Amino acid sequence: MSADRLRLFVALELPDAAREELLRWRAGASDRLRLLAPDALHATLCFLGWQESDELDAIAAACEVVAGLPAVALSLGRGIWLPSRVPRVLAVELRGPLEDVQSALSDALTSGGWYRPEQRPYLAHITVARVPKGVRIRQPELPEPRPLRFTGSHITLFRSRLSPAGARYEPLHRVKLG
């Protein structure tokens, strides 16, 4: 891939208390999973994929569309395997009105030509572990995380750097809700 292209996504940042609960919850997960680093836990709102680096300022400006939206009251939901038939990801659903933030971002980024909305409805979730290639996981019953409530107040435009050890995320632009 050209050095002039960046792999980008926009995500809701999590407060420390939510990260700590997710780390506690996933501690009992299968040892066959690849656990995400604590600082990699987030709720993806829009995955942009590979973008030209000279578009970065315009993409960051488009993310500002959510600056006027209120912070979002959220809570951790149930643990889920995604996709359900042959899971590649262990995640926790988020409960709360995150769709307004995601929709505003989706509209702004789509109008700029940087994002193509998915056909399926947005599912607010936090990926906590991935299933390595070649590993098949039985889908055990998942315990419920503690019913932690928190406020989602920051979204971030991230660069994703791929490596054999897993992706590393570099924050590029941050927007405070409210």
C-alpha atoms as a PDB file:
ATOM      1  CA  MET A   1       0.000   0.000   0.000  1.00  0.00           C
ATOM      2  CA  SER A   2       1.267   3.463  -0.882  1.00  0.00           C
ATOM      3  CA  ALA A   3       2.787   5.657   1.848  1.00  0.00           C
ATOM      4  CA  ASP A   4       0.329   8.317   0.656  1.00  0.00           C
ATOM      5  CA  ARG A   5      -2.630   6.295   1.926  1.00  0.00           C
ATOM      6  CA  LEU A   6      -3.842   5.860   5.497  1.00  0.00           C
ATOM      7  CA  ARG A   7      -6.197   3.219   6.907  1.00  0.00           C
ATOM      8  CA  LEU A   8      -8.738   5.218   8.953  1.00  0.00           C
ATOM      9  CA  PHE A   9     -11.765   4.820  11.193  1.00  0.00           C
ATOM     10  CA  VAL A  10     -13.784   7.000  13.575  1.00  0.00           C
ATOM     11  CA  ALA A  11     -14.628   5.654  17.027  1.00  0.00           C
ATOM     12  CA  LEU A  12     -16.125   6.572  20.360  1.00  0.00           C
ATOM     13  CA  GLU A  13     -13.485   6.587  23.085  1.00  0.00           C
ATOM     14  CA  LEU A  14     -14.206   4.738  26.311  1.00  0.00           C
ATOM     15  CA  PRO A  15     -13.650   6.056  29.831  1.00  0.00           C
ATOM     16  CA  ASP A  16     -11.218   4.121  32.029  1.00  0.00           C
ATOM     17  CA  ALA A  17     -14.020   2.541  34.107  1.00  0.00           C
ATOM     18  CA  ALA A  18     -15.568   0.984  30.978  1.00  0.00           C
ATOM     19  CA  ARG A  19     -12.183  -0.333  29.787  1.00  0.00           C
ATOM     20  CA  GLU A  20     -11.487  -1.837  33.208  1.00  0.00           C
ATOM     21  CA  GLU A  21     -14.849  -3.619  33.285  1.00  0.00           C
ATOM     22  CA  LEU A  22     -14.326  -4.972  29.752  1.00  0.00           C
ATOM     23  CA  LEU A  23     -10.885  -6.273  30.717  1.00  0.00           C
ATOM     24  CA  ARG A  24     -12.345  -7.923  33.833  1.00  0.00           C
ATOM     25  CA  TRP A  25     -15.217  -9.443  31.841  1.00  0.00           C
ATOM     26  CA  ARG A  26     -13.093 -10.923  29.072  1.00  0.00           C
ATOM     27  CA  ALA A  27     -10.550 -12.416  31.518  1.00  0.00           C
ATOM     28  CA  GLY A  28     -12.517 -15.677  31.466  1.00  0.00           C
ATOM     29  CA  ALA A  29     -12.577 -15.833  27.659  1.00  0.00           C
ATOM     30  CA  SER A  30     -11.001 -18.673  25.740  1.00  0.00           C
ATOM     31  CA  ASP A  31      -7.206 -18.746  25.722  1.00  0.00           C
ATOM     32  CA  ARG A  32      -7.501 -19.344  21.973  1.00  0.00           C
ATOM     33  CA  LEU A  33      -8.550 -15.723  21.397  1.00  0.00           C
ATOM     34  CA  ARG A  34      -6.240 -12.817  20.602  1.00  0.00           C
ATOM     35  CA  LEU A  35      -7.062 -10.189  23.226  1.00  0.00           C
ATOM     36  CA  LEU A  36      -7.029  -6.555  22.175  1.00  0.00           C
ATOM     37  CA  ALA A  37      -4.736  -4.201  24.068  1.00  0.00           C
ATOM     38  CA  PRO A  38      -6.574  -2.077  26.652  1.00  0.00           C
ATOM     39  CA  ASP A  39      -5.896   1.125  24.691  1.00  0.00           C
ATOM     40  CA  ALA A  40      -7.393  -0.486  21.565  1.00  0.00           C
ATOM     41  CA  LEU A  41     -10.866  -0.845  23.108  1.00  0.00           C
ATOM     42  CA  HIS A  42     -13.335   1.530  21.455  1.00  0.00           C
ATOM     43  CA  ALA A  43     -16.699   1.572  19.674  1.00  0.00           C
ATOM     44  CA  THR A  44     -16.184   1.988  15.937  1.00  0.00           C
ATOM     45  CA  LEU A  45     -18.663   4.414  14.401  1.00  0.00           C
ATOM     46  CA  CYS A  46     -17.445   4.565  10.778  1.00  0.00           C
ATOM     47  CA  PHE A  47     -14.691   2.471   9.188  1.00  0.00           C
ATOM     48  CA  LEU A  48     -13.233   4.489   6.292  1.00  0.00           C
ATOM     49  CA  GLY A  49     -10.589   2.046   5.088  1.00  0.00           C
ATOM     50  CA  TRP A  50      -7.708   3.286   2.938  1.00  0.00           C
ATOM     51  CA  GLN A  51      -7.803   7.032   2.268  1.00  0.00           C
ATOM     52  CA  GLU A  52      -5.412   9.435   0.561  1.00  0.00           C
ATOM     53  CA  SER A  53      -3.267  11.257   3.125  1.00  0.00           C
ATOM     54  CA  ASP A  54      -3.995  14.629   1.517  1.00  0.00           C
ATOM     55  CA  GLU A  55      -7.674  14.125   2.474  1.00  0.00           C
ATOM     56  CA  LEU A  56      -6.882  13.888   6.192  1.00  0.00           C
ATOM     57  CA  ASP A  57      -7.659  17.528   7.073  1.00  0.00           C
ATOM     58  CA  ALA A  58     -10.989  17.397   5.234  1.00  0.00           C
ATOM     59  CA  ILE A  59     -11.933  14.114   6.933  1.00  0.00           C
ATOM     60  CA  ALA A  60     -11.051  15.575  10.340  1.00  0.00           C
ATOM     61  CA  ALA A  61     -13.149  18.657   9.565  1.00  0.00           C
ATOM     62  CA  ALA A  62     -16.100  16.450   8.595  1.00  0.00           C
ATOM     63  CA  CYS A  63     -15.869  14.712  11.983  1.00  0.00           C
ATOM     64  CA  GLU A  64     -16.550  18.073  13.656  1.00  0.00           C
ATOM     65  CA  VAL A  65     -20.215  17.647  12.660  1.00  0.00           C
ATOM     66  CA  VAL A  66     -20.782  15.863  15.997  1.00  0.00           C
ATOM     67  CA  ALA A  67     -19.314  18.662  18.137  1.00  0.00           C
ATOM     68  CA  GLY A  68     -22.793  20.116  18.669  1.00  0.00           C
ATOM     69  CA  LEU A  69     -24.377  16.812  19.678  1.00  0.00           C
ATOM     70  CA  PRO A  70     -24.764  16.042  23.386  1.00  0.00           C
ATOM     71  CA  ALA A  71     -22.592  13.500  25.169  1.00  0.00           C
ATOM     72  CA  VAL A  72     -24.256  10.085  25.163  1.00  0.00           C
ATOM     73  CA  ALA A  73     -25.418   8.111  28.208  1.00  0.00           C
ATOM     74  CA  LEU A  74     -24.372   4.496  27.579  1.00  0.00           C
ATOM     75  CA  SER A  75     -24.128   1.185  29.378  1.00  0.00           C
ATOM     76  CA  LEU A  76     -22.488  -2.131  28.674  1.00  0.00           C
ATOM     77  CA  GLY A  77     -24.859  -4.727  27.241  1.00  0.00           C
ATOM     78  CA  ARG A  78     -24.516  -8.432  26.624  1.00  0.00           C
ATOM     79  CA  GLY A  79     -21.511 -10.287  25.289  1.00  0.00           C
ATOM     80  CA  ILE A  80     -21.847 -11.352  21.648  1.00  0.00           C
ATOM     81  CA  TRP A  81     -19.978 -13.391  19.029  1.00  0.00           C
ATOM     82  CA  LEU A  82     -19.697 -11.726  15.603  1.00  0.00           C
ATOM     83  CA  PRO A  83     -20.677 -12.888  13.105  1.00  0.00           C
ATOM     84  CA  SER A  84     -22.978 -15.312  14.847  1.00  0.00           C
ATOM     85  CA  ARG A  85     -22.477 -18.308  12.523  1.00  0.00           C
ATOM     86  CA  VAL A  86     -18.670 -18.479  12.379  1.00  0.00           C
ATOM     87  CA  PRO A  87     -17.398 -15.984  14.947  1.00  0.00           C
ATOM     88  CA  ARG A  88     -14.297 -13.924  14.273  1.00  0.00           C
ATOM     89  CA  VAL A  89     -14.817 -11.472  17.134  1.00  0.00           C
ATOM     90  CA  LEU A  90     -15.853 -11.442  20.792  1.00  0.00           C
ATOM     91  CA  ALA A  91     -17.637  -8.181  21.593  1.00  0.00           C
ATOM     92  CA  VAL A  92     -19.914  -6.436  24.087  1.00  0.00           C
ATOM     93  CA  GLU A  93     -22.968  -4.527  22.929  1.00  0.00           C
ATOM     94  CA  LEU A  94     -23.444  -0.906  23.944  1.00  0.00           C
ATOM     95  CA  ARG A  95     -26.859   0.260  25.094  1.00  0.00           C
ATOM     96  CA  GLY A  96     -27.863   3.866  24.597  1.00  0.00           C
ATOM     97  CA  PRO A  97     -28.593   6.387  21.837  1.00  0.00           C
ATOM     98  CA  LEU A  98     -25.276   6.179  19.970  1.00  0.00           C
ATOM     99  CA  GLU A  99     -27.092   5.979  16.620  1.00  0.00           C
ATOM    100  CA  ASP A 100     -27.492   9.790  16.403  1.00  0.00           C
ATOM    101  CA  VAL A 101     -23.724  10.302  16.612  1.00  0.00           C
ATOM    102  CA  GLN A 102     -23.044   7.468  14.175  1.00  0.00           C
ATOM    103  CA  SER A 103     -25.679   8.726  11.732  1.00  0.00           C
ATOM    104  CA  ALA A 104     -24.343  12.309  11.746  1.00  0.00           C
ATOM    105  CA  LEU A 105     -20.806  11.046  11.122  1.00  0.00           C
ATOM    106  CA  SER A 106     -22.010   8.648   8.446  1.00  0.00           C
ATOM    107  CA  ASP A 107     -23.833  11.432   6.584  1.00  0.00           C
ATOM    108  CA  ALA A 108     -20.890  13.864   6.760  1.00  0.00           C
ATOM    109  CA  LEU A 109     -18.283  11.281   5.752  1.00  0.00           C
ATOM    110  CA  THR A 110     -20.484   9.821   3.002  1.00  0.00           C
ATOM    111  CA  SER A 111     -21.081  13.269   1.487  1.00  0.00           C
ATOM    112  CA  GLY A 112     -17.300  13.748   1.325  1.00  0.00           C
ATOM    113  CA  GLY A 113     -16.886  10.423  -0.452  1.00  0.00           C
ATOM    114  CA  TRP A 114     -14.786   8.855   2.352  1.00  0.00           C
ATOM    115  CA  TYR A 115     -17.350   6.420   3.739  1.00  0.00           C
ATOM    116  CA  ARG A 116     -19.755   3.877   2.318  1.00  0.00           C
ATOM    117  CA  PRO A 117     -22.473   3.000   4.868  1.00  0.00           C
ATOM    118  CA  GLU A 118     -23.064  -0.680   5.506  1.00  0.00           C
ATOM    119  CA  GLN A 119     -26.316  -2.238   4.320  1.00  0.00           C
ATOM    120  CA  ARG A 120     -27.106  -3.658   7.752  1.00  0.00           C
ATOM    121  CA  PRO A 121     -28.199  -1.440  10.655  1.00  0.00           C
ATOM    122  CA  TYR A 122     -25.475  -0.044  12.893  1.00  0.00           C
ATOM    123  CA  LEU A 123     -24.708  -2.273  15.893  1.00  0.00           C
ATOM    124  CA  ALA A 124     -23.013  -0.367  18.711  1.00  0.00           C
ATOM    125  CA  HIS A 125     -20.408  -2.703  20.202  1.00  0.00           C
ATOM    126  CA  ILE A 126     -16.871  -2.937  21.529  1.00  0.00           C
ATOM    127  CA  THR A 127     -14.602  -5.664  20.189  1.00  0.00           C
ATOM    128  CA  VAL A 128     -12.582  -7.145  23.057  1.00  0.00           C
ATOM    129  CA  ALA A 129     -10.907 -10.117  21.313  1.00  0.00           C
ATOM    130  CA  ARG A 130     -10.418 -11.639  17.870  1.00  0.00           C
ATOM    131  CA  VAL A 131     -10.413 -15.239  16.748  1.00  0.00           C
ATOM    132  CA  PRO A 132      -7.043 -16.003  15.093  1.00  0.00           C
ATOM    133  CA  LYS A 133      -7.029 -17.309  11.518  1.00  0.00           C
ATOM    134  CA  GLY A 134      -7.510 -21.045  11.350  1.00  0.00           C
ATOM    135  CA  VAL A 135      -9.068 -21.263  14.824  1.00  0.00           C
ATOM    136  CA  ARG A 136     -12.715 -22.240  15.221  1.00  0.00           C
ATOM    137  CA  ILE A 137     -14.419 -21.247  18.444  1.00  0.00           C
ATOM    138  CA  ARG A 138     -17.413 -22.921  19.959  1.00  0.00           C
ATOM    139  CA  GLN A 139     -19.804 -20.249  21.065  1.00  0.00           C
ATOM    140  CA  PRO A 140     -20.040 -20.754  24.816  1.00  0.00           C
ATOM    141  CA  GLU A 141     -22.664 -18.936  26.825  1.00  0.00           C
ATOM    142  CA  LEU A 142     -21.278 -15.556  27.737  1.00  0.00           C
ATOM    143  CA  PRO A 143     -21.802 -14.067  31.178  1.00  0.00           C
ATOM    144  CA  GLU A 144     -23.209 -10.571  31.338  1.00  0.00           C
ATOM    145  CA  PRO A 145     -20.749  -7.766  32.050  1.00  0.00           C
ATOM    146  CA  ARG A 146     -21.545  -5.702  35.116  1.00  0.00           C
ATOM    147  CA  PRO A 147     -24.232  -3.138  34.253  1.00  0.00           C
ATOM    148  CA  LEU A 148     -21.795  -0.241  34.076  1.00  0.00           C
ATOM    149  CA  ARG A 149     -23.180   3.150  33.028  1.00  0.00           C
ATOM    150  CA  PHE A 150     -20.914   5.799  31.543  1.00  0.00           C
ATOM    151  CA  THR A 151     -20.934   8.850  29.309  1.00  0.00           C
ATOM    152  CA  GLY A 152     -19.527   8.767  25.803  1.00  0.00           C
ATOM    153  CA  SER A 153     -18.088  12.229  25.310  1.00  0.00           C
ATOM    154  CA  HIS A 154     -15.281  11.982  22.733  1.00  0.00           C
ATOM    155  CA  ILE A 155     -14.997  10.620  19.233  1.00  0.00           C
ATOM    156  CA  THR A 156     -11.627  10.165  17.574  1.00  0.00           C
ATOM    157  CA  LEU A 157     -10.373   9.771  14.031  1.00  0.00           C
ATOM    158  CA  PHE A 158      -7.825   6.953  14.208  1.00  0.00           C
ATOM    159  CA  ARG A 159      -5.180   5.618  11.897  1.00  0.00           C
ATOM    160  CA  SER A 160      -4.932   1.833  11.936  1.00  0.00           C
ATOM    161  CA  ARG A 161      -1.437   0.418  11.382  1.00  0.00           C
ATOM    162  CA  LEU A 162      -1.548  -3.258  10.496  1.00  0.00           C
ATOM    163  CA  SER A 163       1.095  -5.738  11.625  1.00  0.00           C
ATOM    164  CA  PRO A 164       1.338  -9.509  12.204  1.00  0.00           C
ATOM    165  CA  ALA A 165       0.885  -8.862  15.946  1.00  0.00           C
ATOM    166  CA  GLY A 166      -2.399  -7.026  15.294  1.00  0.00           C
ATOM    167  CA  ALA A 167      -3.459  -3.503  14.461  1.00  0.00           C
ATOM    168  CA  ARG A 168      -2.147  -0.499  16.387  1.00  0.00           C
ATOM    169  CA  TYR A 169      -4.332   2.603  16.564  1.00  0.00           C
ATOM    170  CA  GLU A 170      -2.960   6.123  16.366  1.00  0.00           C
ATOM    171  CA  PRO A 171      -5.311   9.011  17.290  1.00  0.00           C
ATOM    172  CA  LEU A 172      -5.248  11.762  14.666  1.00  0.00           C
ATOM    173  CA  HIS A 173      -8.156  14.090  15.553  1.00  0.00           C
ATOM    174  CA  ARG A 174     -10.433  14.244  18.591  1.00  0.00           C
ATOM    175  CA  VAL A 175     -13.905  15.831  18.873  1.00  0.00           C
ATOM    176  CA  LYS A 176     -15.690  16.478  22.173  1.00  0.00           C
ATOM    177  CA  LEU A 177     -19.446  15.913  22.147  1.00  0.00           C
ATOM    178  CA  GLY A 178     -21.582  18.625  23.702  1.00  0.00           C
END
